[in-house]
Amino acid sequence: MDCHFDGEKSGSVIGKMSNIAARNVDHQSKTMKISLSRLDQDTHFELKNESGHTIQLSGNDKATGPMESVLMAVAGCSTIDIVMIMDKMRQPLKDISVEVEGIRREEIPRVFTEIRLHYIVHGPVKESKVQQAIASSLDKYCSVSKMLEASVKITSSFELRN
């Protein structure tokens, strides 16, 4: 089943998520720092956060490209929220994955004009609860989608698989 929705907010979901938001206040207000190191004489880099976690980025096919990492970030951020929201709703989510498509303009800089997220949700969950969780994430909680929404059209859909 492929479902589209208009991003209506649910007061009950937002109320249930207030505890999660309160726990994240300190994290959201602190300054984040990332360091970048060049790995070779080409455009291959390693980035490290303050916890020591690393990712690699590249301007060629040696690693993920910076624009691909933006798509990964919105997928990861929103899916973390959705899992947490579904848990608060006591929905038996067994698994979730997301396919992301980014459409870029032709002119330089080749920024995204549209990002499409398609969530594949596994488990005996209520369709209305999945819809609420996705809407709450993209409309309120996902910092990445909120940051992008001023300049990028973000759409979402989902399908349920038991």
Protein backbone atom coordinates (compact mmCIF):
# COMPACT_ATOMS: atom_id res chain seq x y z
CA MET A 1 0.00 0.00 0.00
CA ASP A 2 1.40 3.38 -1.01
CA CYS A 3 0.05 6.21 1.14
CA HIS A 4 0.50 9.94 0.78
CA PHE A 5 -0.53 12.51 3.32
CA ASP A 6 -0.50 16.24 3.83
CA GLY A 7 1.53 16.42 7.02
CA GLU A 8 -1.25 17.14 9.50
CA LYS A 9 0.02 17.47 13.04
CA SER A 10 -1.44 15.39 15.83
CA GLY A 11 -1.70 16.98 19.24
CA SER A 12 -1.50 13.57 20.92
CA VAL A 13 1.73 12.62 19.16
CA ILE A 14 3.26 16.00 19.89
CA GLY A 15 2.25 15.68 23.53
CA LYS A 16 3.78 12.21 23.76
CA MET A 17 6.97 13.46 22.14
CA SER A 18 7.45 16.34 24.59
CA ASN A 19 9.52 14.13 26.90
CA ILE A 20 11.83 13.20 24.03
CA ALA A 21 12.19 16.85 23.01
CA ALA A 22 12.96 17.84 26.60
CA ARG A 23 15.72 15.21 26.83
CA ASN A 24 17.32 16.57 23.66
CA VAL A 25 17.34 20.27 24.65
CA ASP A 26 20.92 20.23 25.95
CA HIS A 27 22.14 18.40 22.85
CA GLN A 28 20.32 20.77 20.49
CA SER A 29 21.64 23.93 22.15
CA LYS A 30 25.30 22.93 22.24
CA THR A 31 27.80 23.74 19.54
CA MET A 32 28.72 20.77 17.36
CA LYS A 33 32.23 20.39 16.02
CA ILE A 34 33.48 18.26 13.16
CA SER A 35 37.07 17.90 11.94
CA LEU A 36 38.00 17.03 8.37
CA SER A 37 41.24 15.34 7.28
CA ARG A 38 42.41 14.73 3.74
CA LEU A 39 43.05 11.02 3.06
CA ASP A 40 44.91 11.29 -0.25
CA GLN A 41 46.01 13.78 -2.89
CA ASP A 42 42.54 13.61 -4.43
CA THR A 43 39.17 14.74 -3.01
CA HIS A 44 38.82 11.95 -0.43
CA PHE A 45 38.26 13.05 3.16
CA GLU A 46 37.50 11.65 6.59
CA LEU A 47 35.28 13.60 8.96
CA LYS A 48 35.24 12.97 12.69
CA ASN A 49 32.80 14.17 15.33
CA GLU A 50 33.59 14.92 18.97
CA SER A 51 32.69 11.34 19.96
CA GLY A 52 35.27 9.95 17.56
CA HIS A 53 32.80 8.57 15.00
CA THR A 54 33.93 8.96 11.41
CA ILE A 55 32.51 9.04 7.91
CA GLN A 56 34.26 9.44 4.60
CA LEU A 57 33.25 11.88 1.87
CA SER A 58 34.60 12.22 -1.61
CA GLY A 59 34.27 14.32 -4.73
CA ASN A 60 34.57 11.12 -6.79
CA ASP A 61 33.51 7.50 -6.28
CA LYS A 62 35.93 6.72 -3.44
CA ALA A 63 33.26 7.48 -0.82
CA THR A 64 29.83 9.01 -0.34
CA GLY A 65 29.42 12.39 -1.97
CA PRO A 66 28.49 15.43 0.14
CA MET A 67 25.06 15.76 -1.49
CA GLU A 68 24.37 12.06 -0.95
CA SER A 69 25.21 12.57 2.71
CA VAL A 70 22.46 15.21 2.91
CA LEU A 71 19.95 12.60 1.70
CA MET A 72 21.36 10.11 4.20
CA ALA A 73 21.05 12.68 6.99
CA VAL A 74 17.38 13.44 6.33
CA ALA A 75 16.61 9.71 6.05
CA GLY A 76 18.45 8.90 9.29
CA CYS A 77 17.11 11.84 11.27
CA SER A 78 13.48 11.29 10.32
CA THR A 79 13.63 7.52 10.76
CA ILE A 80 15.11 7.84 14.26
CA ASP A 81 12.17 10.11 15.12
CA ILE A 82 9.63 7.74 13.56
CA VAL A 83 10.96 4.75 15.52
CA MET A 84 10.79 6.73 18.76
CA ILE A 85 7.30 8.05 18.02
CA MET A 86 5.99 4.60 17.09
CA ASP A 87 7.42 3.26 20.36
CA LYS A 88 5.64 6.02 22.31
CA MET A 89 2.42 5.09 20.47
CA ARG A 90 2.98 1.47 21.51
CA GLN A 91 2.92 0.32 17.91
CA PRO A 92 4.64 -3.04 17.27
CA LEU A 93 7.12 -1.79 14.66
CA LYS A 94 9.27 -4.71 13.53
CA ASP A 95 11.42 -2.89 11.00
CA ILE A 96 11.60 0.26 8.91
CA SER A 97 13.62 1.32 5.90
CA VAL A 98 13.53 4.38 3.70
CA GLU A 99 14.32 5.03 0.07
CA VAL A 100 15.29 8.62 -0.72
CA GLU A 101 15.37 10.39 -4.04
CA GLY A 102 16.86 13.85 -4.43
CA ILE A 103 16.21 16.01 -7.47
CA ARG A 104 18.84 18.65 -8.18
CA ARG A 105 18.68 21.68 -10.41
CA GLU A 106 20.86 21.77 -13.51
CA GLU A 107 22.57 25.09 -12.77
CA ILE A 108 25.53 25.45 -10.42
CA PRO A 109 25.25 25.29 -7.50
CA ARG A 110 23.31 22.06 -8.11
CA VAL A 111 21.19 22.26 -4.97
CA PHE A 112 18.27 19.96 -4.27
CA THR A 113 14.91 21.27 -5.39
CA GLU A 114 12.98 18.26 -4.13
CA ILE A 115 13.60 15.36 -1.78
CA ARG A 116 11.24 12.37 -1.80
CA LEU A 117 11.23 9.98 1.15
CA HIS A 118 9.49 6.61 0.85
CA TYR A 119 9.26 4.68 4.12
CA ILE A 120 8.73 0.92 4.17
CA VAL A 121 7.23 -0.05 7.51
CA HIS A 122 7.07 -3.65 8.75
CA GLY A 123 4.82 -4.93 11.50
CA PRO A 124 1.17 -5.05 12.53
CA VAL A 125 0.96 -1.28 12.98
CA LYS A 126 -1.97 1.04 12.34
CA GLU A 127 -1.73 3.00 9.11
CA SER A 128 -2.98 6.15 10.84
CA LYS A 129 -0.22 5.90 13.46
CA VAL A 130 2.48 5.55 10.79
CA GLN A 131 1.06 8.60 9.03
CA GLN A 132 1.10 10.56 12.31
CA ALA A 133 4.65 9.51 13.12
CA ILE A 134 6.00 10.52 9.71
CA ALA A 135 4.15 13.84 9.78
CA SER A 136 5.36 14.62 13.31
CA SER A 137 8.94 13.85 12.38
CA LEU A 138 9.06 15.87 9.19
CA ASP A 139 6.90 18.76 10.43
CA LYS A 140 8.29 19.18 13.94
CA TYR A 141 11.16 16.99 15.18
CA CYS A 142 13.64 16.21 12.38
CA SER A 143 16.22 19.00 12.51
CA VAL A 144 17.57 18.09 9.08
CA SER A 145 14.20 18.30 7.30
CA LYS A 146 13.32 21.49 9.18
CA MET A 147 16.61 23.05 8.08
CA LEU A 148 16.06 22.07 4.44
CA GLU A 149 12.34 22.85 4.13
CA ALA A 150 12.85 26.57 3.42
CA SER A 151 14.56 25.80 0.11
CA VAL A 152 13.65 22.21 -0.76
CA LYS A 153 10.25 20.62 -1.36
CA ILE A 154 10.17 17.54 0.89
CA THR A 155 7.53 14.91 0.18
CA SER A 156 6.93 11.55 1.78
CA SER A 157 5.03 8.35 1.23
CA PHE A 158 4.95 4.99 2.94
CA GLU A 159 3.90 1.42 2.53
CA LEU A 160 2.99 -1.14 5.14
CA ARG A 161 4.35 -4.67 5.00
CA ASN A 162 3.38 -7.26 7.59
